[in-house]
């Protein structure tokens, strides 16, 4: 026994210790829970390619579930009766990285995502999209196919809040060891019972299929090469390898230097060196908007002096230089322009007074013709249409400030209503030239994409865009192209005109003041001899006594009234007490 009464150092094991700590078999209560991933077939436990689901949301590969149901007629997981008509074929969407994602919100599916499908169309969405855009909005139409459905048609494929209470080894087909065999046959062996065939027949069929596959690959490569040659145009004469061709001739305009007999090549060489590595947008801005970027010295320096003083790896500098930064103009008016497409015109209002940098970028790109002939490469019904990429792939585009620029969020601008104009991006502060127009409210995009305008005219054109059918990659089957842009009100150009007017007025005023000062000695000589004002307060500009302008007489006395009478000062106290008897 221990020294204390509460000590537990007994020399024997209690029944509880034997049962919980030192006993034998403890049961299966602590076995790890294994849940089936959402992208795997519940029959083969491998990723599916052509997915279908049962009414309870269990996913299968169609090549595995069809033979199983035909053979056993029951659910592979629960063991309940199941028919082929109860299966729903699913349409999963992938993003650019090949990951399963929601086609509306773009959210990547994980093991913690609530995933649901719409039975009539088979499209798979995240629950957030269905809840916000269908259930709460009472819009019982599919977000992509626009097919009508009911609330009971929503199938929950994965719900993190309601995990399945059974492990993989509790599946009915695993416990009972049920299998339907291969379930699918290759095209080359269709109609042939390979199970009853001999080994020679199986080997022959395999070799035949391999030879056919190799022949098909060679034929496809040959056709692709022919198509490439036809598209590029076969050169007539000369070597076929483009690396062996002579460079194209360039017309050179030779000019002579003024007052010299030598050719002037300095300007051409300098221009070529300056324009080397210049993008198409930079060339357009240099040609059509040369004064777009106005610079001013910043409050901080370039740091060249500190770097040169601290490290010998940098060039020494003994002068503190201010860094030049771009002046951000902030107008107080809205901007208005027209986007002309092959389906009609869209009149757009831009919030230049709230998000000036985004609006300046959009209006400058529209003014120089950057958006001309750009296609809308992505359209999702009941969601949005996206464009502004000159490559038409969704990965191109740039801004007038460089490759990208930062976001501009404001609580007054939200993705509320049809026709809202917003910037497309690939993450925070990655705005370029791509934009999208909403078909319907999308509050989940607030503070993720910069809203900078709205459609105020041409809603029938937006409806025509929405009705264009799309393929599996959300690309419109009919080309929707921007023909051009027409600017009605440019508040940034008005700011420039006001600044130029103020500068002209100031220069004219300064010039007039200098002219008046130079001519004063001849036309008004008294102005130059006028005494300077001295002192301050009332009467500072009145001439003093004994002074005055040239030829002026003495100043007359100013009449004054009688002086006010002095008040008698009252004596204080009681005086003496002689009168008191």
Protein backbone atom coordinates (compact mmCIF):
# COMPACT_ATOMS: atom_id res chain seq x y z
CA UNK A 1 0.00 0.00 0.00
CA UNK A 2 1.11 3.60 -0.54
CA UNK A 3 1.87 6.11 2.12
CA UNK A 4 -1.37 7.98 1.43
CA UNK A 5 -4.91 6.72 1.68
CA UNK A 6 -5.80 7.92 -1.88
CA UNK A 7 -2.88 6.12 -3.49
CA UNK A 8 -3.75 3.62 -6.27
CA UNK A 9 -0.56 1.56 -6.29
CA UNK A 10 -2.33 -1.71 -5.59
CA UNK A 11 -0.48 -4.98 -5.98
CA UNK A 12 -3.27 -6.49 -8.10
CA UNK A 13 -5.20 -5.59 -11.27
CA UNK A 14 -8.76 -4.46 -10.94
CA UNK A 15 -11.48 -5.71 -13.23
CA UNK A 16 -11.65 -2.33 -15.01
CA UNK A 17 -7.88 -2.27 -15.63
CA UNK A 18 -7.96 -5.79 -16.99
CA UNK A 19 -10.92 -5.03 -19.25
CA UNK A 20 -9.69 -1.68 -20.64
CA UNK A 21 -5.89 -1.86 -20.54
CA UNK A 22 -4.45 -5.31 -20.06
CA UNK A 23 -7.18 -7.53 -21.44
CA UNK A 24 -7.15 -9.56 -24.62
CA UNK A 25 -9.38 -8.92 -27.65
CA UNK A 26 -10.89 -5.39 -27.56
CA UNK A 27 -13.26 -5.57 -30.54
CA UNK A 28 -13.34 -3.35 -33.66
CA UNK A 29 -14.44 -0.10 -32.04
CA UNK A 30 -11.17 1.72 -32.85
CA UNK A 31 -10.84 0.71 -36.50
CA UNK A 32 -10.09 3.68 -38.80
CA UNK A 33 -13.02 5.03 -40.78
CA UNK A 34 -12.47 4.84 -44.54
CA UNK A 35 -14.85 6.72 -46.78
CA UNK A 36 -15.01 6.27 -50.55
CA UNK A 37 -13.67 9.32 -52.47
CA UNK A 38 -16.30 11.13 -54.50
CA UNK A 39 -14.44 10.52 -57.78
CA UNK A 40 -14.25 6.73 -57.37
CA UNK A 41 -16.60 3.95 -58.41
CA UNK A 42 -18.24 2.12 -55.50
CA UNK A 43 -17.81 -1.19 -57.34
CA UNK A 44 -14.20 -1.05 -58.54
CA UNK A 45 -12.91 1.49 -55.96
CA UNK A 46 -11.03 3.20 -58.81
CA UNK A 47 -11.64 6.60 -60.47
CA UNK A 48 -14.59 6.52 -62.84
CA UNK A 49 -14.59 7.74 -66.45
CA UNK A 50 -18.30 7.71 -67.37
CA UNK A 51 -20.13 8.20 -64.08
CA UNK A 52 -23.70 7.34 -63.10
CA UNK A 53 -25.33 7.50 -59.69
CA UNK A 54 -28.04 5.68 -57.79
CA UNK A 55 -30.97 7.52 -56.14
CA UNK A 56 -29.06 7.63 -52.83
CA UNK A 57 -26.08 9.45 -54.46
CA UNK A 58 -23.65 6.52 -54.73
CA UNK A 59 -21.49 6.90 -57.85
CA UNK A 60 -20.46 4.08 -60.19
CA UNK A 61 -18.73 3.70 -63.51
CA UNK A 62 -21.26 2.78 -66.16
CA UNK A 63 -19.12 -0.09 -67.44
CA UNK A 64 -19.20 -1.68 -63.97
CA UNK A 65 -22.71 -1.02 -62.72
CA UNK A 66 -24.65 -2.10 -65.83
CA UNK A 67 -23.41 -5.73 -65.84
CA UNK A 68 -23.81 -5.90 -62.07
CA UNK A 69 -27.43 -4.72 -62.10
CA UNK A 70 -28.28 -6.99 -65.03
CA UNK A 71 -26.83 -9.95 -63.16
CA UNK A 72 -27.92 -9.35 -59.54
CA UNK A 73 -30.62 -6.66 -59.77
CA UNK A 74 -29.69 -4.98 -56.48
CA UNK A 75 -27.67 -2.08 -55.09
CA UNK A 76 -23.95 -2.97 -54.75
CA UNK A 77 -23.63 -1.01 -51.48
CA UNK A 78 -26.92 -1.33 -49.60
CA UNK A 79 -28.18 -4.53 -51.20
CA UNK A 80 -31.61 -3.02 -51.94
CA UNK A 81 -33.34 -3.70 -55.28
CA UNK A 82 -32.02 -1.52 -58.12
CA UNK A 83 -32.92 -1.27 -61.81
CA UNK A 84 -31.14 0.39 -64.71
CA UNK A 85 -33.90 2.98 -65.04
CA UNK A 86 -33.08 4.19 -61.52
CA UNK A 87 -29.56 5.23 -62.56
CA UNK A 88 -28.78 8.84 -63.49
CA UNK A 89 -25.96 9.65 -65.86
CA UNK A 90 -23.76 12.44 -64.47
CA UNK A 91 -21.87 15.23 -66.23
CA UNK A 92 -18.79 16.23 -64.26
CA UNK A 93 -16.86 19.38 -65.18
CA UNK A 94 -13.11 19.95 -64.90
CA UNK A 95 -11.09 23.15 -64.72
CA UNK A 96 -7.96 24.00 -66.66
CA UNK A 97 -5.81 21.93 -64.29
CA UNK A 98 -7.88 18.78 -64.86
CA UNK A 99 -9.53 18.90 -61.41
CA UNK A 100 -13.22 18.31 -60.82
CA UNK A 101 -14.84 21.69 -60.13
CA UNK A 102 -18.19 23.43 -60.08
CA UNK A 103 -18.96 24.91 -63.53
CA UNK A 104 -20.70 27.94 -62.01
CA UNK A 105 -18.53 29.03 -59.08
CA UNK A 106 -15.30 27.41 -60.27
CA UNK A 107 -14.75 25.90 -56.81
CA UNK A 108 -12.56 22.79 -56.86
CA UNK A 109 -14.20 19.71 -55.37
CA UNK A 110 -12.49 18.17 -52.32
CA UNK A 111 -13.45 15.62 -49.70
CA UNK A 112 -14.96 18.47 -47.66
CA UNK A 113 -17.15 19.91 -50.46
CA UNK A 114 -20.90 19.45 -50.46
CA UNK A 115 -21.56 18.11 -53.98
CA UNK A 116 -25.00 17.70 -55.55
CA UNK A 117 -26.43 16.87 -58.97
CA UNK A 118 -29.61 17.78 -60.83
CA UNK A 119 -31.37 14.62 -62.02
CA UNK A 120 -32.99 15.80 -65.32
CA UNK A 121 -29.74 17.20 -66.75
CA UNK A 122 -27.17 15.23 -64.78
CA UNK A 123 -24.99 18.30 -64.21
CA UNK A 124 -22.92 18.28 -61.02
CA UNK A 125 -22.57 21.46 -58.95
CA UNK A 126 -21.42 22.46 -55.51
CA UNK A 127 -24.27 22.87 -53.05
CA UNK A 128 -23.52 26.59 -52.64
CA UNK A 129 -24.39 27.29 -56.28
CA UNK A 130 -27.67 25.38 -56.12
CA UNK A 131 -28.63 26.90 -52.78
CA UNK A 132 -27.89 30.51 -53.77
CA UNK A 133 -28.96 30.53 -57.42
CA UNK A 134 -31.81 28.00 -57.43
CA UNK A 135 -33.34 27.33 -54.03
CA UNK A 136 -33.13 30.79 -52.44
CA UNK A 137 -33.88 32.52 -55.73
CA UNK A 138 -36.73 30.05 -56.42
CA UNK A 139 -35.33 29.50 -59.89
CA UNK A 140 -36.14 25.87 -60.62
CA UNK A 141 -34.18 25.66 -63.86
CA UNK A 142 -30.81 24.09 -64.45
CA UNK A 143 -27.99 26.64 -64.33
CA UNK A 144 -26.42 25.35 -67.56
CA UNK A 145 -29.02 23.54 -69.65
CA UNK A 146 -32.00 25.63 -68.42
CA UNK A 147 -34.07 22.45 -67.96
CA UNK A 148 -36.86 22.64 -65.36
CA UNK A 149 -36.53 20.47 -62.25
CA UNK A 150 -38.03 20.03 -58.80
CA UNK A 151 -36.45 20.15 -55.39
CA UNK A 152 -36.81 16.37 -55.14
CA UNK A 153 -34.61 16.03 -58.26
CA UNK A 154 -31.52 17.23 -56.37
CA UNK A 155 -29.24 14.26 -55.58
CA UNK A 156 -26.61 14.72 -52.86
CA UNK A 157 -23.43 12.98 -54.00
CA UNK A 158 -21.29 14.02 -51.02
CA UNK A 159 -22.35 15.79 -47.83
CA UNK A 160 -19.54 16.40 -45.28
CA UNK A 161 -22.14 16.98 -42.55
CA UNK A 162 -23.69 13.54 -43.10
CA UNK A 163 -20.87 11.06 -43.53
CA UNK A 164 -21.81 7.51 -44.30
CA UNK A 165 -21.72 5.30 -41.25
CA UNK A 166 -20.32 2.26 -43.08
CA UNK A 167 -16.79 1.45 -44.12
CA UNK A 168 -15.75 0.03 -47.45
CA UNK A 169 -15.69 -3.52 -46.12
CA UNK A 170 -19.38 -3.18 -45.22
CA UNK A 171 -20.47 -2.84 -48.84
CA UNK A 172 -22.86 -5.56 -49.90
CA UNK A 173 -20.79 -6.72 -52.85
CA UNK A 174 -17.65 -6.87 -50.68
CA UNK A 175 -19.23 -8.87 -47.84
CA UNK A 176 -20.90 -11.32 -50.23
CA UNK A 177 -17.99 -11.35 -52.73
CA UNK A 178 -20.21 -10.51 -55.71
CA UNK A 179 -18.73 -9.60 -59.08
CA UNK A 180 -20.11 -9.34 -62.59
CA UNK A 181 -16.85 -10.14 -64.39
CA UNK A 182 -15.23 -7.75 -66.80
CA UNK A 183 -18.48 -6.07 -67.76
CA UNK A 184 -17.06 -4.51 -70.94
CA UNK A 185 -15.54 -5.92 -74.09
CA UNK A 186 -13.11 -4.34 -76.49
CA UNK A 187 -14.31 -3.42 -79.96
CA UNK A 188 -11.83 -5.76 -81.57
CA UNK A 189 -13.26 -8.70 -79.63
CA UNK A 190 -16.92 -7.74 -79.89
CA UNK A 191 -19.08 -10.74 -80.63
CA UNK A 192 -16.30 -13.21 -79.74
CA UNK A 193 -16.54 -15.38 -76.63
CA UNK A 194 -12.96 -15.05 -75.45
CA UNK A 195 -13.68 -17.07 -72.35
CA UNK A 196 -14.28 -20.17 -74.44
CA UNK A 197 -11.59 -19.37 -77.03
CA UNK A 198 -8.23 -21.07 -77.18
CA UNK A 199 -4.95 -19.42 -76.28
CA UNK A 200 -3.96 -19.12 -79.95
CA UNK A 201 -7.22 -17.34 -80.79
CA UNK A 202 -6.76 -14.93 -77.89
CA UNK A 203 -3.17 -14.19 -78.97
CA UNK A 204 -4.27 -13.66 -82.57
CA UNK A 205 -7.05 -11.27 -81.55
CA UNK A 206 -4.63 -9.31 -79.37
CA UNK A 207 -2.05 -8.99 -82.16
CA UNK A 208 -4.76 -7.96 -84.60
CA UNK A 209 -5.97 -5.23 -82.29
CA UNK A 210 -2.43 -3.96 -81.74
CA UNK A 211 -1.69 -3.81 -85.46
CA UNK A 212 -4.96 -1.97 -86.11
CA UNK A 213 -4.14 0.53 -83.36
CA UNK A 214 -0.64 1.19 -84.75
CA UNK A 215 -2.03 1.61 -88.27
CA UNK A 216 -4.66 4.05 -87.03
CA UNK A 217 -2.01 6.11 -85.21
CA UNK A 218 0.18 6.28 -88.31
CA UNK A 219 -2.78 7.29 -90.49
CA UNK A 220 -3.78 10.00 -88.03
CA UNK A 221 -0.22 11.34 -87.92
CA UNK A 222 -0.08 11.34 -91.71
CA UNK A 223 -3.39 13.21 -91.99
CA UNK A 224 -2.29 15.73 -89.37
CA UNK A 225 0.94 16.39 -91.28
CA UNK A 226 -0.97 16.92 -94.53
CA UNK A 227 -3.41 19.29 -92.83
CA UNK A 228 -0.51 21.26 -91.33
CA UNK A 229 1.16 21.63 -94.71
CA UNK A 230 -2.08 22.71 -96.40
CA UNK A 231 -2.85 25.24 -93.66
CA UNK A 232 0.63 26.75 -93.66
CA UNK A 233 0.91 26.81 -97.47
CA UNK A 234 3.53 24.72 -99.26
CA UNK A 235 6.39 27.00 -100.43
CA UNK A 236 7.19 26.84 -104.12
CA UNK A 237 10.89 26.51 -104.66
CA UNK A 238 13.62 26.93 -102.10
CA UNK A 239 14.25 24.74 -99.04
CA UNK A 240 11.33 23.28 -97.11
CA UNK A 241 12.92 23.83 -93.68
CA UNK A 242 12.03 27.35 -92.49
CA UNK A 243 15.37 27.59 -90.71
CA UNK A 244 17.15 27.45 -94.09
CA UNK A 245 15.08 30.21 -95.71
CA UNK A 246 16.51 33.66 -96.25
CA UNK A 247 15.10 36.43 -94.07
CA UNK A 248 12.39 38.57 -95.58
CA UNK A 249 13.45 41.80 -97.24
CA UNK A 250 12.67 44.98 -95.37
CA UNK A 251 12.18 48.27 -97.14
CA UNK A 252 14.55 50.87 -95.73
CA UNK A 253 13.95 54.58 -96.28
CA UNK A 254 17.31 56.37 -96.34
CA UNK A 255 17.52 59.99 -95.34
CA UNK A 256 20.43 62.37 -95.17
CA UNK A 257 21.34 64.41 -92.16
CA UNK A 258 20.59 68.12 -92.54
CA UNK A 259 23.68 69.95 -93.79
CA UNK A 260 25.70 66.74 -94.22
CA UNK A 261 26.50 64.24 -96.94
CA UNK A 262 26.14 61.12 -94.75
CA UNK A 263 23.08 58.97 -94.28
CA UNK A 264 20.95 59.53 -91.19
CA UNK A 265 20.76 56.12 -89.47
CA UNK A 266 20.76 57.23 -85.83
CA UNK A 267 17.00 57.81 -85.58
CA UNK A 268 16.10 54.47 -87.16
CA UNK A 269 18.52 52.52 -84.97
CA UNK A 270 17.33 54.30 -81.84
CA UNK A 271 13.68 53.68 -82.69
CA UNK A 272 14.33 50.01 -83.40
CA UNK A 273 16.20 49.60 -80.12
CA UNK A 274 13.45 51.39 -78.24
CA UNK A 275 10.67 49.27 -79.74
CA UNK A 276 12.45 45.94 -79.24
CA UNK A 277 10.36 43.63 -77.08
CA UNK A 278 7.32 45.89 -77.32
CA UNK A 279 3.92 44.19 -77.13
CA UNK A 280 0.97 44.90 -79.40
CA UNK A 281 -0.84 46.87 -76.70
CA UNK A 282 2.22 48.99 -75.92
CA UNK A 283 2.59 49.79 -79.61
CA UNK A 284 -1.07 50.85 -79.81
CA UNK A 285 -0.74 53.04 -76.70
CA UNK A 286 2.45 54.64 -78.00
CA UNK A 287 0.81 55.39 -81.34
CA UNK A 288 -2.69 56.51 -80.28
CA UNK A 289 -2.31 57.67 -76.64
CA UNK A 290 1.26 58.95 -76.19
CA UNK A 291 0.46 61.04 -73.08
CA UNK A 292 -1.44 58.35 -71.20
CA UNK A 293 0.98 57.90 -68.30
CA UNK A 294 1.77 61.14 -66.45
CA UNK A 295 4.60 60.87 -63.95
CA UNK A 296 5.42 62.92 -60.84
CA UNK A 297 8.16 62.62 -58.21
CA UNK A 298 7.21 60.49 -55.23
CA UNK A 299 7.86 61.23 -51.56
CA UNK A 300 10.45 58.44 -51.38
CA UNK A 301 13.75 58.11 -53.19
CA UNK A 302 14.95 55.45 -55.59
CA UNK A 303 17.41 54.10 -53.01
CA UNK A 304 20.33 54.22 -55.44
CA UNK A 305 22.50 56.28 -53.09
CA UNK A 306 21.92 53.92 -50.15
CA UNK A 307 22.59 50.85 -52.28
CA UNK A 308 25.75 52.32 -53.77
CA UNK A 309 27.01 53.34 -50.33
CA UNK A 310 26.22 49.99 -48.70
CA UNK A 311 27.23 47.45 -51.35
CA UNK A 312 30.04 47.47 -53.87
CA UNK A 313 27.91 45.37 -56.22
CA UNK A 314 25.89 48.47 -57.14
CA UNK A 315 27.04 51.56 -58.96
CA UNK A 316 27.98 54.36 -56.61
CA UNK A 317 25.69 57.38 -56.44
CA UNK A 318 26.11 60.62 -54.48
CA UNK A 319 22.73 62.15 -55.26
CA UNK A 320 19.34 61.39 -53.73
CA UNK A 321 16.83 61.05 -56.57
CA UNK A 322 13.08 60.93 -56.18
CA UNK A 323 11.33 57.97 -57.74
CA UNK A 324 8.88 58.86 -60.49
CA UNK A 325 5.40 57.38 -59.99
CA UNK A 326 2.33 57.45 -62.18
CA UNK A 327 -0.35 60.03 -61.39
CA UNK A 328 -3.73 58.37 -60.78
CA UNK A 329 -6.50 60.61 -62.05
CA UNK A 330 -9.81 60.58 -60.19
CA UNK A 331 -12.73 62.02 -62.15
CA UNK A 332 -16.08 62.91 -60.61
CA UNK A 333 -18.25 61.76 -63.51
CA UNK A 334 -19.39 58.48 -65.03
CA UNK A 335 -18.10 57.18 -68.35
CA UNK A 336 -20.29 55.94 -71.20
CA UNK A 337 -19.42 53.84 -74.24
CA UNK A 338 -20.96 51.40 -76.71
CA UNK A 339 -19.71 47.85 -77.31
CA UNK A 340 -20.66 46.83 -80.85
CA UNK A 341 -20.94 43.06 -81.46
CA UNK A 342 -22.10 40.94 -84.38
CA UNK A 343 -25.34 40.27 -82.43
CA UNK A 344 -26.08 43.90 -81.57
CA UNK A 345 -24.89 46.81 -79.45
CA UNK A 346 -24.45 47.13 -75.69
CA UNK A 347 -24.50 50.59 -74.08
CA UNK A 348 -22.38 50.55 -70.93
CA UNK A 349 -22.06 52.94 -67.98
CA UNK A 350 -18.67 52.92 -66.21
CA UNK A 351 -18.20 53.88 -62.54
CA UNK A 352 -15.13 56.05 -63.16
CA UNK A 353 -15.86 58.09 -60.03
CA UNK A 354 -15.65 55.00 -57.77
CA UNK A 355 -13.10 52.67 -59.42
CA UNK A 356 -11.00 55.04 -61.58
CA UNK A 357 -8.08 52.74 -62.32
CA UNK A 358 -10.20 49.88 -63.64
CA UNK A 359 -12.36 52.22 -65.74
CA UNK A 360 -9.32 54.02 -67.15
CA UNK A 361 -7.85 50.68 -68.20
CA UNK A 362 -11.08 49.58 -69.90
CA UNK A 363 -11.68 52.89 -71.70
CA UNK A 364 -8.08 53.13 -72.90
CA UNK A 365 -8.18 49.58 -74.29
CA UNK A 366 -11.46 50.33 -76.04
CA UNK A 367 -10.17 53.63 -77.46
CA UNK A 368 -7.01 52.20 -79.03
CA UNK A 369 -8.93 49.27 -80.59
CA UNK A 370 -7.52 46.51 -78.38
CA UNK A 371 -10.95 44.85 -78.05
CA UNK A 372 -11.68 44.95 -81.79
CA UNK A 373 -12.30 41.43 -83.21
CA UNK A 374 -12.06 39.86 -79.73
CA UNK A 375 -14.47 36.96 -79.20
CA UNK A 376 -16.49 36.02 -76.13
CA UNK A 377 -14.83 32.68 -75.39
CA UNK A 378 -16.99 31.56 -72.45
CA UNK A 379 -20.73 31.72 -71.83
CA UNK A 380 -22.74 30.01 -69.08
CA UNK A 381 -26.49 30.40 -69.18
CA UNK A 382 -28.03 32.01 -66.08
CA UNK A 383 -24.53 33.06 -65.00
CA UNK A 384 -22.32 35.21 -67.26
CA UNK A 385 -20.50 35.70 -70.58
CA UNK A 386 -16.75 36.39 -70.63
CA UNK A 387 -14.53 38.08 -73.22
CA UNK A 388 -11.71 40.57 -73.71
CA UNK A 389 -8.97 38.04 -74.52
CA UNK A 390 -7.38 38.67 -77.94
CA UNK A 391 -6.19 35.05 -78.08
CA UNK A 392 -9.70 33.68 -77.48
CA UNK A 393 -8.42 31.06 -75.02
CA UNK A 394 -9.09 32.73 -71.68
CA UNK A 395 -5.40 32.88 -70.75
CA UNK A 396 -4.28 36.04 -72.59
CA UNK A 397 -4.67 39.77 -72.30
CA UNK A 398 -2.85 42.58 -70.50
CA UNK A 399 -3.58 45.98 -69.01
CA UNK A 400 -2.32 49.47 -69.80
CA UNK A 401 -0.43 49.45 -66.47
CA UNK A 402 1.60 46.37 -67.36
CA UNK A 403 0.67 42.72 -67.30
CA UNK A 404 -1.81 43.00 -64.38
CA UNK A 405 -3.02 45.54 -61.83
CA UNK A 406 -4.62 45.44 -58.39
CA UNK A 407 -8.30 45.04 -57.45
CA UNK A 408 -10.60 47.94 -56.54
CA UNK A 409 -13.42 46.87 -54.21
CA UNK A 410 -16.19 49.17 -53.01
CA UNK A 411 -19.24 48.35 -50.89
CA UNK A 412 -21.43 50.37 -53.26
CA UNK A 413 -20.60 48.07 -56.20
CA UNK A 414 -21.84 44.46 -55.99
CA UNK A 415 -22.71 41.69 -58.43
CA UNK A 416 -26.41 42.39 -58.12
CA UNK A 417 -28.64 42.31 -61.18
CA UNK A 418 -28.49 41.44 -64.85
CA UNK A 419 -25.95 43.31 -66.96
CA UNK A 420 -23.32 44.00 -64.27
CA UNK A 421 -19.86 44.49 -65.82
CA UNK A 422 -16.94 43.06 -63.83
CA UNK A 423 -13.28 42.15 -64.30
CA UNK A 424 -12.20 38.54 -64.78
CA UNK A 425 -9.06 37.43 -62.95
CA UNK A 426 -7.10 34.37 -61.91
CA UNK A 427 -6.66 35.44 -58.28
CA UNK A 428 -6.17 38.56 -56.15
CA UNK A 429 -4.66 41.56 -57.99
CA UNK A 430 -4.45 39.81 -61.39
CA UNK A 431 -6.70 42.04 -63.49
CA UNK A 432 -5.83 42.39 -67.16
CA UNK A 433 -8.12 43.00 -70.12
CA UNK A 434 -10.68 40.21 -69.66
CA UNK A 435 -14.14 41.08 -68.37
CA UNK A 436 -17.53 39.42 -68.01
CA UNK A 437 -21.18 40.49 -68.07
CA UNK A 438 -23.65 38.85 -65.69
CA UNK A 439 -26.80 37.19 -66.93
CA UNK A 440 -27.99 36.96 -63.33
CA UNK A 441 -27.00 38.13 -59.85
CA UNK A 442 -23.91 36.42 -58.42
CA UNK A 443 -23.30 37.65 -54.85
CA UNK A 444 -20.65 34.98 -54.26
CA UNK A 445 -18.31 37.00 -56.55
CA UNK A 446 -18.37 40.11 -54.34
CA UNK A 447 -14.90 41.18 -53.11
CA UNK A 448 -13.37 38.67 -55.52
CA UNK A 449 -13.91 40.47 -58.82
CA UNK A 450 -13.93 44.24 -59.41
CA UNK A 451 -17.31 45.63 -60.51
CA UNK A 452 -16.76 48.68 -62.73
CA UNK A 453 -19.90 49.16 -64.82
CA UNK A 454 -23.29 47.97 -65.98
CA UNK A 455 -25.29 47.62 -69.18
CA UNK A 456 -27.81 50.46 -69.50
CA UNK A 457 -28.99 49.76 -73.04
CA UNK A 458 -29.19 46.77 -75.37
CA UNK A 459 -30.57 44.11 -73.02
CA UNK A 460 -32.03 42.32 -76.04
CA UNK A 461 -28.47 41.84 -77.32
CA UNK A 462 -27.46 40.32 -73.98
CA UNK A 463 -30.46 37.97 -74.22
CA UNK A 464 -29.39 36.93 -77.72
CA UNK A 465 -25.90 36.17 -76.39
CA UNK A 466 -27.33 34.01 -73.61
CA UNK A 467 -29.41 31.96 -76.05
CA UNK A 468 -26.38 30.91 -78.12
CA UNK A 469 -25.66 27.22 -77.51
CA UNK A 470 -22.30 26.18 -76.06
CA UNK A 471 -20.16 23.05 -76.10
CA UNK A 472 -18.90 21.03 -73.14
CA UNK A 473 -16.18 23.64 -72.49
CA UNK A 474 -18.76 26.50 -72.28
CA UNK A 475 -17.51 27.91 -75.59
CA UNK A 476 -20.29 29.38 -77.76
CA UNK A 477 -20.91 27.29 -80.87
CA UNK A 478 -21.72 30.49 -82.76
CA UNK A 479 -18.97 33.11 -82.73
CA UNK A 480 -19.82 36.21 -80.68
CA UNK A 481 -17.35 38.91 -81.70
CA UNK A 482 -16.70 42.51 -80.65
CA UNK A 483 -16.76 44.59 -83.83
CA UNK A 484 -15.65 47.82 -82.18
CA UNK A 485 -16.20 50.31 -79.36
CA UNK A 486 -17.53 53.87 -79.48
CA UNK A 487 -16.86 56.21 -76.55
CA UNK A 488 -19.57 58.75 -75.71
CA UNK A 489 -18.25 60.32 -72.48
CA UNK A 490 -14.61 59.98 -71.42
CA UNK A 491 -14.15 61.67 -68.00
CA UNK A 492 -10.39 61.14 -68.14
CA UNK A 493 -10.09 63.06 -71.41
CA UNK A 494 -12.18 65.85 -69.88
CA UNK A 495 -9.75 65.99 -66.95
CA UNK A 496 -6.86 66.38 -69.40
CA UNK A 497 -8.69 69.16 -71.23
CA UNK A 498 -9.40 70.98 -67.95
CA UNK A 499 -5.74 70.71 -66.91
CA UNK A 500 -4.61 72.04 -70.28
CA UNK A 501 -7.08 74.92 -70.03
CA UNK A 502 -5.88 75.83 -66.53
CA UNK A 503 -2.28 75.70 -67.72
CA UNK A 504 -3.08 77.99 -70.68
CA UNK A 505 -4.97 80.45 -68.46
CA UNK A 506 -2.13 80.54 -65.96
CA UNK A 507 0.45 81.08 -68.70
CA UNK A 508 -1.66 83.88 -70.21
CA UNK A 509 -2.10 85.52 -66.80
CA UNK A 510 1.63 85.37 -66.06
CA UNK A 511 2.42 86.77 -69.49
CA UNK A 512 -0.05 89.64 -68.96
CA UNK A 513 1.45 90.46 -65.56
CA UNK A 514 4.95 90.61 -67.04
CA UNK A 515 3.72 92.82 -69.89
CA UNK A 516 1.98 95.23 -67.48
CA UNK A 517 5.07 95.48 -65.33
CA UNK A 518 7.33 96.23 -68.30
CA UNK A 519 4.98 98.96 -69.66
CA UNK A 520 4.24 100.64 -66.33
CA UNK A 521 7.28 102.95 -66.49
CA UNK A 522 5.94 104.59 -69.68
CA UNK A 523 2.15 104.60 -69.35
CA UNK A 524 1.84 105.04 -65.55
CA UNK A 525 5.12 106.21 -64.04
CA UNK A 526 3.46 106.95 -60.69
CA UNK A 527 2.82 103.27 -60.18
CA UNK A 528 6.51 102.51 -59.94
CA UNK A 529 7.08 105.36 -57.43
CA UNK A 530 4.08 104.54 -55.23
CA UNK A 531 5.16 103.85 -51.65
CA UNK A 532 4.78 100.39 -50.38
CA UNK A 533 2.06 99.77 -47.85
CA UNK A 534 3.34 99.74 -44.30
CA UNK A 535 1.79 98.37 -41.20
CA UNK A 536 -1.43 96.48 -41.02
CA UNK A 537 -5.00 96.78 -39.89
CA UNK A 538 -7.57 99.44 -40.78
CA UNK A 539 -6.20 102.28 -42.93
CA UNK A 540 -3.05 100.50 -44.03
CA UNK A 541 -3.52 101.80 -47.58
CA UNK A 542 -4.24 105.48 -46.58
CA UNK A 543 -1.34 107.93 -47.11
CA UNK A 544 0.44 109.13 -43.99
CA UNK A 545 0.70 112.78 -42.99
CA UNK A 546 3.28 114.69 -45.05
CA UNK A 547 3.26 112.07 -47.81
CA UNK A 548 1.07 111.47 -50.81
CA UNK A 549 1.01 111.10 -54.54
CA UNK A 550 2.91 113.43 -56.82
CA UNK A 551 1.14 116.82 -57.14
CA UNK A 552 -1.25 116.22 -54.26
CA UNK A 553 -1.92 119.01 -51.67
CA UNK A 554 -1.97 118.79 -47.90
CA UNK A 555 -4.47 116.55 -46.33
CA UNK A 556 -7.39 118.48 -44.73
CA UNK A 557 -8.07 118.07 -41.04
CA UNK A 558 -10.86 115.71 -40.22
CA UNK A 559 -13.48 117.51 -38.05
CA UNK A 560 -14.07 115.99 -34.68
CA UNK A 561 -16.99 116.33 -32.26
CA UNK A 562 -16.90 117.49 -28.59
CA UNK A 563 -15.04 115.29 -26.21
CA UNK A 564 -17.28 113.22 -23.97
CA UNK A 565 -17.65 114.40 -20.37
CA UNK A 566 -15.75 112.58 -17.70
CA UNK A 567 -17.75 110.58 -15.28
CA UNK A 568 -17.21 111.37 -11.62
CA UNK A 569 -15.55 108.64 -9.74
CA UNK A 570 -17.63 107.38 -6.89
CA UNK A 571 -15.91 106.88 -3.60
CA UNK A 572 -16.29 103.58 -2.02
CA UNK A 573 -16.97 102.73 1.63
CA UNK A 574 -19.13 104.37 4.31
CA UNK A 575 -16.93 107.42 5.03
CA UNK A 576 -16.82 108.59 8.69
CA UNK A 577 -19.54 108.36 11.32
CA UNK A 578 -19.73 112.03 12.44
CA UNK A 579 -23.40 112.42 11.48
CA UNK A 580 -24.41 109.55 13.65
CA UNK A 581 -25.45 110.84 17.01
